[in-house]
Amino acid sequence: MPLTYNRRYLWTIVLTATLGGFLFGYDWVVIGGAKPFYEPYFNITSAADQGWGTSSALIGCMIGAIVCIFLAEPFGRRPLLIFSGFLFSLSALGTALAESFFAFNTYRIIGGIAMGVALNLSPLYISEMSPPEMRGRLVNMNQLLIMIGVLLAQVVNWQISLLDTDLPVSAGFQEIAQSWSGQEGWRWMFGAEMVPATLFFVLMFFVPESARWLAKSGKTEKAKIVLEKIGGEEYATKSLLETQKALLSNDSSGFKPGLFLEKRVLGLLALGIFLAFLQQWSGINVVIYYASDIFIAAGFDLKQMMLQIVVIGGIMVVSVFVTLATVDRWGRKSILMFCLAGMTLLYGGIGYAFFAELSGGVIVLLVLANVMLYSISLAPLLWVLLSEIFPARIRGAAISIGALAHWVGNFTLTYFFPTIKENLGWANNFWLYGGICAVGFLIIWKVLPETKGKSLEQLDQELAKS
């Protein structure tokens, strides 16, 4: 007889946790739409300062990932997610009120710490609370909320920019600096995040700690109560037995940093780090952070550019529904390979469009198609795979190492992009990303195991033998 689940309770837990993903998505992308306005306000003209303003939050993201490496296992997922909600709120307020470039970046770094914690622990928490046959879809709900956060940030940026009716569509740097958008508008873009950040902070007090973390921390009775609420007594008993069996087979003496030196763990860690760098160096974050520069280079004016950024957000949201419908049927590996092959070809086309100076419309279509493939594959599936491939005893710390690699890749890509673009030009820059996607396709084809439809405990056993 198949198990039945308390879906209302399960969805309450999942949707609360996904607010961390939503806030990550908003904070991740709001910088792109605000960039044309805060840069004139702070008189940012050099490539180095442009790169720092766009990427400073990523330093905080690295700090957040390091915090999770050391604290996610001993203290659990829930306290750190509550802490991230507080930091999101503080960052939104501080960035909105910043009067100097130093203060602006300080609060962006604080927000980055929140982003690093939320992006690590929201999908991990959901994964550890999900039944095996629902795990892919439920973890991808976090990605859906990330993309909704992305879209909302882009809509908010666009709508706030439209409030400045006196700003010419072809406004120059100094005109923008003196306009309402350049003085006040960009502040509202960041400040709007206060509302969902406060909601996340409050609601996380009302959900339980991860049942699997409770079980492996010796709090079996508390874990059983949570699991019984999700799936009843039979499900709770079965899940606890599987967790205890997996823990025993992986050494019952508790988490030790030395576990990372085991041969199979090193291999899985290397795979996770590779996937994290691939997600970043596939180049889509350049499209997200520097969309304004790309579309202006393609011939669009200021208001057209802001609208095109919103369209990117809409494509990203719609694409996640494709992943939700296919991830537990087609599998993670097949989706990644198909989309990486497509991204390789599309980057070749985007590079050629800039090389041949084709119309802006052609570039927009190719960019949107590329964003769609990324949003179906690398964007959500990195976090699904990181939550699945590591042994239970080190899962939280290992995911945090993978996330740290993700943020290092993100920072290096974002900070150095203005300089790389100046030296390589638009065409060569996109051809470079196409080459990276091609390498990613080959390595995933050769190395990545399929994880669909298997419990975390089954994966522990299978990957231990590989």
Protein backbone atom coordinates (compact mmCIF):
# COMPACT_ATOMS: atom_id res chain seq x y z
CA MET A 1 0.00 0.00 0.00
CA PRO A 2 1.58 3.33 -1.05
CA LEU A 3 2.34 5.86 1.62
CA THR A 4 0.22 8.99 1.87
CA TYR A 5 1.63 12.29 2.99
CA ASN A 6 0.29 15.29 4.86
CA ARG A 7 0.76 17.53 1.86
CA ARG A 8 -0.56 20.66 3.56
CA TYR A 9 2.05 20.36 6.32
CA LEU A 10 4.79 19.42 3.87
CA TRP A 11 4.02 22.32 1.55
CA THR A 12 3.88 24.75 4.49
CA ILE A 13 7.41 23.73 5.45
CA VAL A 14 8.67 23.82 1.86
CA LEU A 15 7.16 27.19 0.94
CA THR A 16 8.49 28.79 4.13
CA ALA A 17 11.99 27.54 3.35
CA THR A 18 11.72 28.67 -0.28
CA LEU A 19 11.34 32.27 0.88
CA GLY A 20 15.11 32.04 1.41
CA GLY A 21 15.41 31.20 -2.28
CA PHE A 22 13.04 34.04 -3.20
CA LEU A 23 15.16 36.54 -1.27
CA PHE A 24 18.32 35.18 -2.86
CA GLY A 25 16.76 35.66 -6.31
CA TYR A 26 15.70 39.23 -5.56
CA ASP A 27 19.03 40.22 -4.01
CA TRP A 28 20.97 38.43 -6.75
CA VAL A 29 19.35 40.37 -9.60
CA VAL A 30 18.23 43.73 -8.18
CA ILE A 31 21.78 45.01 -8.71
CA GLY A 32 21.49 44.61 -12.50
CA GLY A 33 18.52 46.97 -12.88
CA ALA A 34 19.81 49.44 -10.29
CA LYS A 35 23.28 49.57 -11.86
CA PRO A 36 22.54 52.27 -14.49
CA PHE A 37 21.33 54.57 -11.66
CA TYR A 38 23.56 54.01 -8.61
CA GLU A 39 26.74 54.20 -10.69
CA PRO A 40 26.09 57.85 -11.73
CA TYR A 41 25.06 58.67 -8.12
CA PHE A 42 28.41 57.42 -6.77
CA ASN A 43 30.28 58.64 -9.90
CA ILE A 44 31.56 55.16 -10.73
CA THR A 45 33.44 55.27 -14.03
CA SER A 46 36.35 52.78 -13.85
CA ALA A 47 36.01 49.09 -14.78
CA ALA A 48 37.41 48.10 -11.37
CA ASP A 49 34.78 50.10 -9.45
CA GLN A 50 32.02 48.87 -11.75
CA GLY A 51 33.10 45.30 -11.09
CA TRP A 52 33.32 45.88 -7.32
CA GLY A 53 29.88 47.47 -7.06
CA THR A 54 28.32 44.59 -8.95
CA SER A 55 30.24 41.81 -7.21
CA SER A 56 30.81 43.00 -3.61
CA ALA A 57 27.80 41.02 -2.35
CA LEU A 58 29.53 37.88 -3.60
CA ILE A 59 32.27 38.34 -0.98
CA GLY A 60 29.49 38.07 1.59
CA CYS A 61 28.16 35.00 -0.20
CA MET A 62 31.55 33.32 0.26
CA ILE A 63 31.51 34.23 3.96
CA GLY A 64 27.98 32.80 4.24
CA ALA A 65 29.12 29.56 2.64
CA ILE A 66 32.09 29.31 5.02
CA VAL A 67 29.77 29.92 7.99
CA CYS A 68 27.65 26.99 6.81
CA ILE A 69 30.69 24.72 6.44
CA PHE A 70 31.41 25.05 10.16
CA LEU A 71 27.96 25.65 11.65
CA ALA A 72 25.38 23.75 9.54
CA GLU A 73 26.26 20.39 11.09
CA PRO A 74 26.66 21.29 14.78
CA PHE A 75 23.81 23.83 14.98
CA GLY A 76 21.36 22.67 12.30
CA ARG A 77 19.64 24.31 9.35
CA ARG A 78 16.82 26.30 10.97
CA PRO A 79 18.82 28.70 13.22
CA LEU A 80 21.04 29.72 10.32
CA LEU A 81 18.05 30.32 8.04
CA ILE A 82 16.51 32.55 10.72
CA PHE A 83 19.81 34.44 10.93
CA SER A 84 19.84 34.89 7.16
CA GLY A 85 16.34 36.42 7.29
CA PHE A 86 17.61 39.02 9.75
CA LEU A 87 20.63 39.84 7.56
CA PHE A 88 18.45 40.18 4.44
CA SER A 89 16.34 42.77 6.28
CA LEU A 90 19.38 44.69 7.56
CA SER A 91 21.01 44.72 4.12
CA ALA A 92 17.88 45.93 2.31
CA LEU A 93 17.50 48.87 4.70
CA GLY A 94 21.20 49.75 4.83
CA THR A 95 21.73 49.64 1.06
CA ALA A 96 18.66 51.78 0.46
CA LEU A 97 19.96 54.46 2.86
CA ALA A 98 23.64 54.34 1.84
CA GLU A 99 25.25 57.74 1.25
CA SER A 100 28.70 56.51 0.24
CA PHE A 101 30.03 53.81 -2.07
CA PHE A 102 31.77 52.25 0.95
CA ALA A 103 28.51 52.00 2.93
CA PHE A 104 26.69 50.70 -0.16
CA ASN A 105 29.17 47.85 -0.56
CA THR A 106 29.26 47.12 3.19
CA TYR A 107 25.52 46.47 3.26
CA ARG A 108 25.71 44.55 -0.01
CA ILE A 109 28.28 42.26 1.65
CA ILE A 110 25.93 41.77 4.63
CA GLY A 111 23.18 40.82 2.18
CA GLY A 112 25.66 38.50 0.49
CA ILE A 113 26.19 36.61 3.75
CA ALA A 114 22.42 36.08 3.91
CA MET A 115 22.41 34.95 0.28
CA GLY A 116 25.22 32.48 0.92
CA VAL A 117 23.42 30.94 3.90
CA ALA A 118 20.01 30.80 2.22
CA LEU A 119 21.28 29.33 -1.04
CA ASN A 120 23.15 26.64 0.90
CA LEU A 121 20.54 25.68 3.42
CA SER A 122 17.10 26.25 1.87
CA PRO A 123 17.51 23.45 -0.72
CA LEU A 124 19.31 21.23 1.82
CA TYR A 125 16.54 21.70 4.37
CA ILE A 126 13.86 20.91 1.75
CA SER A 127 15.78 17.87 0.51
CA GLU A 128 16.10 16.46 4.02
CA MET A 129 12.37 16.95 4.67
CA SER A 130 11.14 15.51 1.35
CA PRO A 131 9.94 11.97 0.51
CA PRO A 132 12.22 10.42 -2.19
CA GLU A 133 9.61 10.39 -4.97
CA MET A 134 8.87 14.10 -4.44
CA ARG A 135 12.35 15.38 -3.65
CA GLY A 136 13.30 16.61 -7.13
CA ARG A 137 10.10 18.62 -7.51
CA LEU A 138 10.17 20.01 -3.97
CA VAL A 139 13.82 21.06 -4.09
CA ASN A 140 13.08 22.69 -7.44
CA MET A 141 10.34 24.72 -5.77
CA ASN A 142 13.22 26.60 -4.20
CA GLN A 143 14.51 27.31 -7.71
CA LEU A 144 11.03 28.45 -8.79
CA LEU A 145 10.94 30.92 -5.91
CA ILE A 146 14.46 32.08 -6.82
CA MET A 147 13.26 32.84 -10.33
CA ILE A 148 10.10 34.54 -9.05
CA GLY A 149 12.40 36.66 -6.88
CA VAL A 150 14.47 37.40 -9.98
CA LEU A 151 11.38 38.40 -11.95
CA LEU A 152 9.96 40.52 -9.14
CA ALA A 153 13.27 42.39 -8.78
CA GLN A 154 13.28 43.11 -12.50
CA VAL A 155 9.63 44.23 -12.50
CA VAL A 156 10.22 46.45 -9.45
CA ASN A 157 13.30 47.98 -11.08
CA TRP A 158 11.42 48.57 -14.33
CA GLN A 159 8.35 50.09 -12.68
CA ILE A 160 10.41 52.36 -10.44
CA SER A 161 12.40 53.55 -13.45
CA LEU A 162 9.11 54.39 -15.22
CA LEU A 163 8.14 56.72 -12.35
CA ASP A 164 10.83 59.12 -13.50
CA THR A 165 8.87 60.61 -16.43
CA ASP A 166 11.37 63.46 -16.83
CA LEU A 167 14.31 61.16 -17.60
CA PRO A 168 15.04 61.05 -21.38
CA VAL A 169 15.39 57.57 -22.91
CA SER A 170 18.84 58.56 -24.19
CA ALA A 171 19.96 60.21 -20.93
CA GLY A 172 23.69 60.49 -20.36
CA PHE A 173 25.72 59.74 -17.23
CA GLN A 174 25.39 63.20 -15.68
CA GLU A 175 21.68 63.53 -16.56
CA ILE A 176 20.98 60.25 -14.77
CA ALA A 177 23.05 61.34 -11.76
CA GLN A 178 20.87 64.44 -11.32
CA SER A 179 17.55 62.71 -11.99
CA TRP A 180 15.09 61.27 -9.46
CA SER A 181 16.09 57.75 -10.55
CA GLY A 182 19.75 58.56 -9.95
CA GLN A 183 19.12 60.19 -6.58
CA GLU A 184 16.23 58.21 -5.04
CA GLY A 185 14.78 55.62 -7.42
CA TRP A 186 17.56 53.04 -7.06
CA ARG A 187 17.16 53.18 -3.27
CA TRP A 188 13.58 51.94 -3.52
CA MET A 189 14.76 49.08 -5.71
CA PHE A 190 16.86 47.76 -2.81
CA GLY A 191 14.53 48.84 0.00
CA ALA A 192 11.53 46.92 -1.35
CA GLU A 193 13.22 43.71 -0.20
CA MET A 194 12.50 44.61 3.45
CA VAL A 195 8.94 43.21 3.22
CA PRO A 196 9.69 39.59 2.15
CA ALA A 197 12.87 39.54 4.26
CA THR A 198 10.96 40.33 7.44
CA LEU A 199 8.29 37.76 6.54
CA PHE A 200 10.93 35.04 6.07
CA PHE A 201 12.61 35.92 9.36
CA VAL A 202 9.32 35.60 11.28
CA LEU A 203 7.93 32.48 9.57
CA MET A 204 11.11 30.42 10.04
CA PHE A 205 10.41 30.42 13.80
CA PHE A 206 7.25 28.37 13.11
CA VAL A 207 8.71 25.45 11.10
CA PRO A 208 10.61 22.46 12.59
CA GLU A 209 14.28 21.63 12.32
CA SER A 210 15.28 19.21 9.54
CA ALA A 211 14.14 15.71 10.52
CA ARG A 212 17.27 14.08 9.10
CA TRP A 213 19.53 16.51 10.94
CA LEU A 214 17.64 15.75 14.17
CA ALA A 215 18.02 12.01 13.58
CA LYS A 216 21.75 12.11 12.91
CA SER A 217 22.24 14.45 15.89
CA GLY A 218 20.76 11.84 18.23
CA LYS A 219 17.41 13.63 18.65
CA THR A 220 15.45 10.63 17.43
CA GLU A 221 12.18 11.37 19.20
CA LYS A 222 12.00 14.90 17.83
CA ALA A 223 12.81 13.58 14.35
CA LYS A 224 10.09 10.96 14.65
CA ILE A 225 7.48 13.58 15.58
CA VAL A 226 8.33 15.65 12.48
CA LEU A 227 8.36 12.62 10.16
CA GLU A 228 5.04 11.33 11.54
CA LYS A 229 3.46 14.71 10.79
CA ILE A 230 4.73 14.43 7.21
CA GLY A 231 3.89 10.79 6.39
CA GLY A 232 2.56 8.90 9.40
CA GLU A 233 4.10 6.31 11.70
CA GLU A 234 5.13 3.82 8.97
CA TYR A 235 6.94 6.52 6.98
CA ALA A 236 8.64 7.84 10.13
CA THR A 237 9.86 4.38 11.17
CA LYS A 238 11.14 3.55 7.69
CA SER A 239 12.92 6.90 7.28
CA LEU A 240 14.59 6.70 10.68
CA LEU A 241 15.81 3.14 10.03
CA GLU A 242 17.27 4.15 6.65
CA THR A 243 18.97 7.20 8.17
CA GLN A 244 20.46 5.19 11.04
CA LYS A 245 21.65 2.47 8.66
CA ALA A 246 23.32 5.03 6.42
CA LEU A 247 24.98 6.71 9.38
CA LEU A 248 26.31 3.40 10.71
CA SER A 249 27.71 2.43 7.32
CA ASN A 250 29.49 5.79 7.11
CA ASP A 251 31.06 5.57 10.60
CA SER A 252 28.91 6.36 13.61
CA SER A 253 31.47 8.49 15.45
CA GLY A 254 30.15 11.80 14.20
CA PHE A 255 31.25 14.45 11.76
CA LYS A 256 35.02 14.86 11.36
CA PRO A 257 36.84 17.12 8.86
CA GLY A 258 39.07 14.11 8.12
CA LEU A 259 36.12 12.45 6.39
CA PHE A 260 36.76 14.77 3.45
CA LEU A 261 40.07 12.99 2.83
CA GLU A 262 38.41 9.66 2.06
CA LYS A 263 38.89 8.74 -1.59
CA ARG A 264 35.20 8.47 -2.50
CA VAL A 265 34.34 11.69 -0.66
CA LEU A 266 37.15 13.56 -2.44
CA GLY A 267 35.80 12.35 -5.77
CA LEU A 268 32.25 13.47 -4.98
CA LEU A 269 33.55 16.78 -3.62
CA ALA A 270 35.54 17.36 -6.81
CA LEU A 271 32.40 16.64 -8.84
CA GLY A 272 30.35 19.07 -6.75
CA ILE A 273 32.98 21.81 -7.06
CA PHE A 274 33.17 21.27 -10.83
CA LEU A 275 29.38 21.57 -11.17
CA ALA A 276 29.42 24.76 -9.08
CA PHE A 277 32.09 26.40 -11.26
CA LEU A 278 30.36 25.20 -14.43
CA GLN A 279 27.10 26.81 -13.35
CA GLN A 280 28.89 30.14 -12.97
CA TRP A 281 31.43 30.05 -15.79
CA SER A 282 28.74 29.00 -18.24
CA GLY A 283 28.30 32.78 -18.42
CA ILE A 284 24.64 33.37 -17.69
CA ASN A 285 25.37 35.55 -14.67
CA VAL A 286 27.06 37.98 -17.04
CA VAL A 287 23.68 38.23 -18.78
CA ILE A 288 21.99 38.78 -15.40
CA TYR A 289 24.41 41.28 -13.85
CA TYR A 290 25.40 43.11 -17.05
CA ALA A 291 22.13 42.88 -18.98
CA SER A 292 22.01 46.66 -19.23
CA ASP A 293 25.45 46.77 -20.88
CA ILE A 294 24.63 43.89 -23.25
CA PHE A 295 21.36 45.38 -24.48
CA ILE A 296 22.75 48.90 -24.78
CA ALA A 297 25.66 47.44 -26.81
CA ALA A 298 23.02 45.71 -28.97
CA GLY A 299 21.42 49.08 -29.73
CA PHE A 300 18.55 49.47 -27.21
CA ASP A 301 17.82 52.68 -25.32
CA LEU A 302 17.45 52.94 -21.51
CA LYS A 303 13.73 52.17 -21.25
CA GLN A 304 13.85 49.38 -23.86
CA MET A 305 16.77 47.87 -21.95
CA MET A 306 14.82 47.84 -18.65
CA LEU A 307 11.91 46.07 -20.36
CA GLN A 308 14.20 43.46 -21.95
CA ILE A 309 15.58 42.68 -18.47
CA VAL A 310 12.01 41.98 -17.28
CA VAL A 311 11.49 39.62 -20.22
CA ILE A 312 14.59 37.68 -19.14
CA GLY A 313 13.03 37.25 -15.69
CA GLY A 314 9.78 36.00 -17.21
CA ILE A 315 11.64 33.41 -19.29
CA MET A 316 13.50 32.21 -16.18
CA VAL A 317 10.26 31.69 -14.24
CA VAL A 318 8.52 29.82 -17.07
CA SER A 319 11.58 27.61 -17.58
CA VAL A 320 11.48 26.34 -14.00
CA PHE A 321 8.04 24.81 -14.67
CA VAL A 322 9.68 22.71 -17.40
CA THR A 323 12.19 21.46 -14.83
CA LEU A 324 9.45 20.74 -12.29
CA ALA A 325 7.60 18.64 -14.88
CA THR A 326 10.64 16.67 -16.07
CA VAL A 327 13.26 16.39 -13.32
CA ASP A 328 11.79 13.28 -11.64
CA ARG A 329 10.91 11.65 -14.99
CA TRP A 330 13.81 12.37 -17.33
CA GLY A 331 16.52 12.60 -14.68
CA ARG A 332 19.14 15.19 -13.82
CA LYS A 333 21.92 14.01 -16.14
CA SER A 334 19.84 13.87 -19.34
CA ILE A 335 18.47 17.38 -18.82
CA LEU A 336 21.95 18.80 -18.14
CA MET A 337 23.47 17.21 -21.23
CA PHE A 338 20.69 18.34 -23.57
CA CYS A 339 20.74 21.93 -22.31
CA LEU A 340 24.54 22.26 -22.24
CA ALA A 341 24.69 21.13 -25.88
CA GLY A 342 22.09 23.78 -26.75
CA MET A 343 23.90 26.50 -24.77
CA THR A 344 27.14 25.72 -26.59
CA LEU A 345 25.45 26.33 -29.95
CA LEU A 346 23.59 29.43 -28.77
CA TYR A 347 26.72 31.07 -27.39
CA GLY A 348 28.31 30.48 -30.77
CA GLY A 349 25.37 32.28 -32.35
CA ILE A 350 25.46 35.22 -29.89
CA GLY A 351 29.17 35.66 -30.49
CA TYR A 352 28.64 35.63 -34.24
CA ALA A 353 25.78 38.15 -33.94
CA PHE A 354 28.11 40.62 -32.19
CA PHE A 355 30.96 39.81 -34.59
CA ALA A 356 28.76 40.40 -37.67
CA GLU A 357 27.00 43.39 -36.04
CA LEU A 358 23.55 41.86 -36.55
CA SER A 359 20.40 43.57 -35.27
CA GLY A 360 19.59 43.83 -31.57
CA GLY A 361 16.49 41.69 -32.09
CA VAL A 362 18.59 38.69 -33.13
CA ILE A 363 20.78 39.04 -30.05
CA VAL A 364 17.74 39.28 -27.76
CA LEU A 365 16.23 36.07 -29.17
CA LEU A 366 19.48 34.14 -28.80
CA VAL A 367 20.05 35.47 -25.27
CA LEU A 368 16.49 34.54 -24.22
CA ALA A 369 16.87 31.01 -25.62
CA ASN A 370 20.14 30.62 -23.74
CA VAL A 371 18.60 31.91 -20.50
CA MET A 372 15.77 29.39 -20.94
CA LEU A 373 18.14 26.41 -21.28
CA TYR A 374 20.21 27.56 -18.32
CA SER A 375 17.10 28.03 -16.18
CA ILE A 376 15.88 24.52 -17.02
CA SER A 377 19.21 22.85 -16.24
CA LEU A 378 22.24 24.34 -14.50
CA ALA A 379 20.37 26.88 -12.40
CA PRO A 380 18.12 24.43 -10.50
CA LEU A 381 19.90 21.10 -10.90
CA LEU A 382 23.17 22.13 -9.27
CA TRP A 383 21.35 22.45 -5.95
CA VAL A 384 19.36 19.27 -6.44
CA LEU A 385 22.57 17.32 -7.14
CA LEU A 386 24.54 18.91 -4.30
CA SER A 387 21.75 17.92 -1.90
CA GLU A 388 21.87 14.31 -3.19
CA ILE A 389 25.42 13.15 -3.92
CA PHE A 390 27.14 13.62 -0.55
CA PRO A 391 27.10 11.15 2.39
CA ALA A 392 24.70 12.01 5.22
CA ARG A 393 27.36 12.66 7.85
CA ILE A 394 29.05 15.44 5.87
CA ARG A 395 26.16 16.59 3.69
CA GLY A 396 25.70 20.05 5.21
CA ALA A 397 29.42 20.86 5.23
CA ALA A 398 29.98 19.37 1.76
CA ILE A 399 27.14 21.36 0.23
CA SER A 400 28.62 24.45 1.82
CA ILE A 401 32.00 23.72 0.18
CA GLY A 402 30.21 23.30 -3.15
CA ALA A 403 28.39 26.57 -2.53
CA LEU A 404 31.66 28.30 -1.63
CA ALA A 405 33.04 27.16 -4.99
CA HIS A 406 29.86 28.51 -6.60
CA TRP A 407 30.45 31.94 -5.06
CA VAL A 408 34.15 31.99 -5.91
CA GLY A 409 33.18 31.24 -9.51
CA ASN A 410 30.45 33.88 -9.42
CA PHE A 411 32.74 36.55 -7.97
CA THR A 412 35.62 35.91 -10.38
CA LEU A 413 33.25 35.91 -13.36
CA THR A 414 31.42 39.07 -12.28
CA TYR A 415 34.37 41.11 -11.01
CA PHE A 416 36.65 40.46 -13.98
CA PHE A 417 33.98 40.58 -16.70
CA PRO A 418 34.34 44.32 -17.46
CA THR A 419 38.09 43.84 -17.91
CA ILE A 420 37.69 40.61 -19.92
CA LYS A 421 35.10 42.25 -22.16
CA GLU A 422 37.37 45.24 -22.79
CA ASN A 423 40.23 42.93 -23.85
CA LEU A 424 38.32 40.21 -25.72
CA GLY A 425 35.31 42.10 -27.05
CA TRP A 426 31.70 40.89 -26.95
CA ALA A 427 32.03 38.18 -29.61
CA ASN A 428 35.09 36.41 -28.16
CA ASN A 429 33.64 36.68 -24.67
CA PHE A 430 30.53 34.70 -25.65
CA TRP A 431 32.54 32.18 -27.67
CA LEU A 432 34.61 31.56 -24.53
CA TYR A 433 31.43 30.65 -22.59
CA GLY A 434 30.38 28.34 -25.41
CA GLY A 435 33.67 26.47 -25.08
CA ILE A 436 33.17 26.12 -21.31
CA CYS A 437 29.68 24.65 -21.87
CA ALA A 438 31.12 22.14 -24.35
CA VAL A 439 33.70 20.96 -21.79
CA GLY A 440 30.93 20.71 -19.17
CA PHE A 441 28.86 18.51 -21.49
CA LEU A 442 31.74 16.05 -21.95
CA ILE A 443 32.58 15.77 -18.24
CA ILE A 444 28.95 15.33 -17.17
CA TRP A 445 28.50 12.65 -19.83
CA LYS A 446 31.52 10.73 -18.51
CA VAL A 447 31.32 11.27 -14.73
CA LEU A 448 27.92 12.32 -13.35
CA PRO A 449 25.71 9.53 -11.87
CA GLU A 450 21.91 9.60 -12.25
CA THR A 451 20.11 10.21 -8.93
CA LYS A 452 16.41 10.41 -9.79
CA GLY A 453 13.88 8.39 -7.77
CA LYS A 454 16.32 7.21 -5.09
CA SER A 455 16.26 7.99 -1.37
CA LEU A 456 19.21 9.86 0.09
CA GLU A 457 20.09 6.68 1.98
CA GLN A 458 20.10 4.60 -1.24
CA LEU A 459 22.39 7.12 -2.87
CA ASP A 460 24.70 6.92 0.16
CA GLN A 461 25.05 3.17 -0.41
CA GLU A 462 25.39 3.28 -4.20
CA LEU A 463 27.88 6.12 -4.38
CA ALA A 464 29.95 4.49 -1.63
CA LYS A 465 30.66 1.62 -4.06
CA SER A 466 31.47 3.82 -7.06
